[in-house]
N, C-alpha and C. Protein backbone atom coordinates (compact mmCIF):
# COMPACT_ATOMS: atom_id res chain seq x y z
N MET A 1 96.26 88.57 23.61
CA MET A 1 96.08 88.08 22.37
C MET A 1 95.43 86.14 22.40
N SER A 2 94.77 85.87 21.30
CA SER A 2 93.86 84.49 21.77
C SER A 2 94.85 83.12 21.19
N SER A 3 94.55 82.41 22.01
CA SER A 3 95.40 81.07 21.37
C SER A 3 95.72 80.95 20.26
N ALA A 4 95.06 81.04 19.47
CA ALA A 4 94.85 80.69 17.55
C ALA A 4 95.82 81.64 17.35
N GLN A 5 95.65 82.96 17.73
CA GLN A 5 96.85 83.86 17.27
C GLN A 5 97.98 83.47 18.00
N LYS A 6 98.38 83.27 18.75
CA LYS A 6 100.03 82.90 19.36
C LYS A 6 100.22 81.53 18.93
N LYS A 7 99.36 80.57 18.40
CA LYS A 7 99.47 79.48 17.70
C LYS A 7 99.95 79.66 16.43
N ALA A 8 99.19 80.80 15.73
CA ALA A 8 99.56 80.70 14.44
C ALA A 8 100.80 82.04 13.96
N LEU A 9 101.25 82.81 15.31
CA LEU A 9 102.06 83.63 14.92
C LEU A 9 103.56 82.43 15.79
N SER A 10 103.00 81.65 16.53
CA SER A 10 104.47 80.79 15.86
C SER A 10 104.18 79.64 15.61
N ASN A 11 103.43 79.39 14.75
CA ASN A 11 103.84 78.47 13.35
C ASN A 11 104.72 79.61 12.35
N TYR A 12 104.52 80.98 12.64
CA TYR A 12 104.93 81.35 11.27
C TYR A 12 106.25 81.79 11.39
N ARG A 13 106.67 82.06 12.67
CA ARG A 13 107.94 82.13 13.04
C ARG A 13 108.69 81.09 13.08
N ARG A 14 108.45 79.46 13.02
CA ARG A 14 108.97 78.58 13.08
C ARG A 14 109.52 78.26 11.25
N ARG A 15 108.27 78.97 10.71
CA ARG A 15 108.05 78.82 8.83
C ARG A 15 109.65 79.54 8.79
N GLN A 16 109.47 80.71 9.53
CA GLN A 16 110.95 81.44 8.96
C GLN A 16 112.23 81.09 9.19
N ARG A 17 112.20 80.52 10.52
CA ARG A 17 113.24 80.56 11.42
C ARG A 17 113.95 79.29 9.97
N ARG A 18 112.94 77.85 10.00
CA ARG A 18 113.22 77.12 8.87
C ARG A 18 113.77 77.20 7.85
N ARG A 19 113.28 78.93 6.81
CA ARG A 19 113.72 79.49 5.56
C ARG A 19 115.50 80.37 6.38
N GLY A 20 115.83 80.29 7.72
CA GLY A 20 116.79 80.85 7.62
C GLY A 20 116.67 82.61 7.72
N VAL A 21 115.35 83.12 7.98
CA VAL A 21 114.72 84.59 8.31
C VAL A 21 114.88 84.27 10.08
N VAL A 22 115.54 85.95 10.33
CA VAL A 22 115.63 86.18 11.94
C VAL A 22 114.71 87.69 12.14
N ARG A 23 114.72 87.82 13.14
CA ARG A 23 114.27 88.89 13.55
C ARG A 23 114.92 89.74 14.08
N LEU A 24 115.07 91.20 13.98
CA LEU A 24 115.76 91.80 14.57
C LEU A 24 115.22 93.23 14.92
N GLU A 25 115.80 93.52 15.87
CA GLU A 25 115.07 94.70 16.40
C GLU A 25 116.18 95.84 16.54
N ILE A 26 115.90 97.18 15.98
CA ILE A 26 117.53 97.89 16.03
C ILE A 26 116.57 99.00 16.30
N GLN A 27 117.84 100.29 16.91
CA GLN A 27 117.75 101.80 16.95
C GLN A 27 118.05 102.19 15.84
N VAL A 28 117.76 103.51 15.18
CA VAL A 28 118.91 104.19 14.57
C VAL A 28 118.15 105.39 14.72
N HIS A 29 118.84 106.92 14.31
CA HIS A 29 118.46 107.21 14.18
C HIS A 29 117.44 108.35 13.05
N LYS A 30 116.46 108.77 13.29
CA LYS A 30 115.04 109.41 12.41
C LYS A 30 115.04 109.55 11.17
N ASP A 31 116.88 109.79 10.99
CA ASP A 31 117.25 110.13 9.75
C ASP A 31 117.71 109.05 9.08
N ASP A 32 117.78 108.07 10.14
CA ASP A 32 118.70 107.14 8.92
C ASP A 32 118.02 106.18 8.94
N ALA A 33 116.80 106.06 9.17
CA ALA A 33 115.47 104.56 9.59
C ALA A 33 115.24 105.03 7.67
N PRO A 34 114.84 105.40 6.85
CA PRO A 34 114.54 105.29 5.32
C PRO A 34 115.87 104.62 4.86
N LEU A 35 116.92 104.83 5.03
CA LEU A 35 118.24 104.38 4.68
C LEU A 35 118.19 102.88 4.83
N VAL A 36 118.20 102.79 6.50
CA VAL A 36 118.25 101.28 6.82
C VAL A 36 116.95 100.43 6.19
N ARG A 37 115.76 100.74 6.04
CA ARG A 37 114.75 100.71 5.44
C ARG A 37 115.20 99.91 3.69
N GLY A 38 115.89 100.86 3.24
CA GLY A 38 116.11 100.92 1.57
C GLY A 38 117.20 99.96 2.02
N VAL A 39 118.28 99.33 2.59
CA VAL A 39 119.05 98.49 2.67
C VAL A 39 117.77 97.09 2.74
N VAL A 40 117.44 97.15 3.71
CA VAL A 40 116.82 95.78 4.42
C VAL A 40 115.55 95.47 2.76
N LYS A 41 114.62 96.06 2.28
CA LYS A 41 114.26 96.11 0.91
C LYS A 41 114.98 95.83 -0.16
N ALA A 42 116.36 96.08 -0.31
CA ALA A 42 117.23 95.83 -1.03
C ALA A 42 118.03 94.43 -1.03
N LEU A 43 117.92 94.10 0.11
CA LEU A 43 118.66 92.89 0.50
C LEU A 43 117.28 91.72 0.58
N ALA A 44 115.96 92.02 0.58
CA ALA A 44 114.90 91.12 0.34
C ALA A 44 114.56 91.02 -1.33
N ASP A 45 114.97 91.25 -2.30
CA ASP A 45 114.77 91.76 -3.30
C ASP A 45 115.78 90.87 -3.98
N PRO A 46 115.33 89.54 -4.54
CA PRO A 46 115.88 88.86 -5.38
C PRO A 46 116.98 88.90 -6.21
N ALA A 47 116.53 90.07 -6.89
CA ALA A 47 117.19 90.65 -8.41
C ALA A 47 118.24 91.06 -8.03
N ARG A 48 118.21 92.28 -6.29
CA ARG A 48 118.95 92.92 -5.94
C ARG A 48 119.99 92.34 -4.97
N GLU A 49 119.53 91.46 -4.79
CA GLU A 49 120.34 90.84 -3.25
C GLU A 49 121.48 90.47 -3.00
N ALA A 50 122.22 89.92 -3.98
CA ALA A 50 123.40 89.42 -4.30
C ALA A 50 124.16 90.74 -4.65
N GLU A 51 123.97 91.71 -5.18
CA GLU A 51 124.55 92.82 -5.56
C GLU A 51 124.82 93.47 -4.08
N THR A 52 123.48 93.70 -3.49
CA THR A 52 123.72 94.66 -2.62
C THR A 52 124.45 94.09 -1.51
N ARG A 53 124.42 93.19 -1.07
CA ARG A 53 125.36 92.11 -0.02
C ARG A 53 127.00 92.06 -0.54
N ALA A 54 126.54 92.13 -1.46
CA ALA A 54 128.72 92.21 -2.15
C ALA A 54 129.04 94.26 -1.85
N LEU A 55 127.77 94.66 -2.21
CA LEU A 55 128.62 96.29 -1.95
C LEU A 55 128.66 96.40 -0.54
N LEU A 56 127.88 95.62 0.35
CA LEU A 56 127.56 96.07 1.44
C LEU A 56 128.94 95.42 2.27
N ARG A 57 129.11 94.05 1.68
CA ARG A 57 130.22 93.21 2.52
C ARG A 57 131.90 94.46 1.82
N GLU A 58 131.83 94.32 0.95
CA GLU A 58 133.35 95.48 0.38
C GLU A 58 132.99 96.81 1.46
N ARG A 59 132.26 97.73 1.92
CA ARG A 59 132.63 98.23 2.03
C ARG A 59 132.58 98.77 3.77
N LEU A 60 131.74 97.58 4.36
CA LEU A 60 131.34 97.99 5.75
C LEU A 60 132.72 96.60 6.38
N GLN A 61 132.72 96.04 5.45
CA GLN A 61 133.91 94.23 6.40
C GLN A 61 134.79 94.93 7.23
N ALA A 62 134.95 94.16 8.00
CA ALA A 62 136.18 94.83 8.88
C ALA A 62 137.43 94.35 8.52
N GLY A 63 138.80 94.67 8.48
CA GLY A 63 139.32 94.91 7.76
C GLY A 63 140.13 93.35 8.77
N PRO A 64 141.33 92.67 8.37
CA PRO A 64 142.05 91.70 9.12
C PRO A 64 141.87 91.82 9.99
N SER A 65 142.20 91.30 11.28
CA SER A 65 142.59 91.57 12.74
C SER A 65 143.79 91.61 13.04
N ARG A 66 144.35 92.63 13.82
CA ARG A 66 145.89 92.63 13.53
C ARG A 66 146.20 92.84 15.28
N GLY A 67 147.13 92.23 15.86
CA GLY A 67 147.99 92.07 17.33
C GLY A 67 148.12 93.16 17.47
N LEU A 68 148.24 93.45 18.87
CA LEU A 68 148.09 94.49 19.80
C LEU A 68 149.86 95.16 19.39
N LYS A 69 151.13 93.90 19.37
CA LYS A 69 151.97 94.23 18.89
C LYS A 69 152.26 94.96 17.43
N ALA A 70 151.21 94.35 16.15
CA ALA A 70 151.16 95.11 15.52
C ALA A 70 151.12 96.58 14.76
N LEU A 71 149.46 96.68 15.97
CA LEU A 71 149.41 97.50 15.81
C LEU A 71 150.01 98.88 16.66
N LEU A 72 150.41 98.35 17.75
CA LEU A 72 152.33 99.42 18.11
C LEU A 72 152.95 99.80 16.96
N ALA A 73 153.08 98.69 16.53
CA ALA A 73 154.51 98.65 15.57
C ALA A 73 154.15 99.60 14.77
N SER A 74 152.89 100.05 13.44
CA SER A 74 152.31 100.95 12.60
C SER A 74 152.42 102.37 13.45
N ALA A 75 151.61 102.12 14.91
CA ALA A 75 151.51 103.35 14.96
C ALA A 75 152.51 105.10 15.54
N PRO A 76 152.17 106.39 14.50
CA PRO A 76 153.05 107.11 14.36
C PRO A 76 153.34 107.75 15.93
N LEU A 77 154.43 107.34 16.24
CA LEU A 77 155.23 107.80 17.93
C LEU A 77 156.36 108.71 17.25
N ASP A 78 156.79 109.31 16.22
CA ASP A 78 157.27 110.21 16.34
C ASP A 78 157.09 111.29 16.53
N GLY A 79 158.08 112.08 18.05
CA GLY A 79 158.43 113.20 18.20
C GLY A 79 157.78 112.87 20.11
N ILE A 80 157.25 111.73 20.56
CA ILE A 80 156.73 111.41 21.03
C ILE A 80 157.95 110.85 22.41
N ASP A 81 158.35 111.27 23.60
CA ASP A 81 158.65 110.60 24.50
C ASP A 81 158.36 109.87 25.25
N LEU A 82 158.87 108.45 24.69
CA LEU A 82 158.70 107.12 25.57
C LEU A 82 159.88 106.78 27.29
N GLU A 83 160.84 107.71 26.76
CA GLU A 83 161.72 107.64 28.44
C GLU A 83 160.93 107.40 29.76
N ARG A 84 161.29 107.10 30.70
CA ARG A 84 160.85 107.38 32.25
C ARG A 84 161.93 106.86 33.20
N ASP A 85 161.87 107.64 34.15
CA ASP A 85 162.65 107.71 35.12
C ASP A 85 163.08 106.02 36.04
N ARG A 86 163.85 105.84 35.95
CA ARG A 86 164.21 104.33 36.37
C ARG A 86 164.45 104.10 37.88
N GLY A 87 163.67 105.12 38.52
CA GLY A 87 164.51 105.04 40.02
C GLY A 87 163.68 103.71 40.97
N THR A 88 164.39 103.58 42.14
CA THR A 88 164.37 102.11 42.44
C THR A 88 162.96 102.32 43.25
N GLY A 89 162.45 103.22 43.59
CA GLY A 89 160.96 103.70 44.85
C GLY A 89 161.92 104.18 46.45
N ARG A 90 160.84 103.58 46.57
CA ARG A 90 161.32 104.08 48.05
C ARG A 90 161.27 103.84 48.97
N ASP A 91 162.20 103.95 49.93
CA ASP A 91 162.79 102.81 51.30
C ASP A 91 161.50 102.58 51.93
N VAL A 92 161.16 101.07 52.25
CA VAL A 92 160.52 100.16 53.03
C VAL A 92 160.93 99.64 54.60
N ASP A 93 160.28 100.01 55.40
CA ASP A 93 161.29 99.07 56.20
C ASP A 93 160.60 97.63 56.70
N LEU A 94 161.25 96.29 56.65
CA LEU A 94 160.51 95.31 56.70
C LEU A 94 160.59 95.12 57.62
């Protein structure tokens, strides 16, 4: 790549950063590639971007984080034996 090409690429990427655009590289299954391209095109289209973004957030955004205690409290533990032998261990000569 010539120095003029490097400079042009650097300037282009700087302009994109100022606009809030980031460059991504992703790997998806070949059958999903058209789907991902369609999502990217919909997000880039000013007429569809708000609706697409709202739909994706609604469907894909993770729910509120729960702690371990809440997760265990909601776990179905019916029929699971949680008791264990409380032995004193083995004898050790000190």
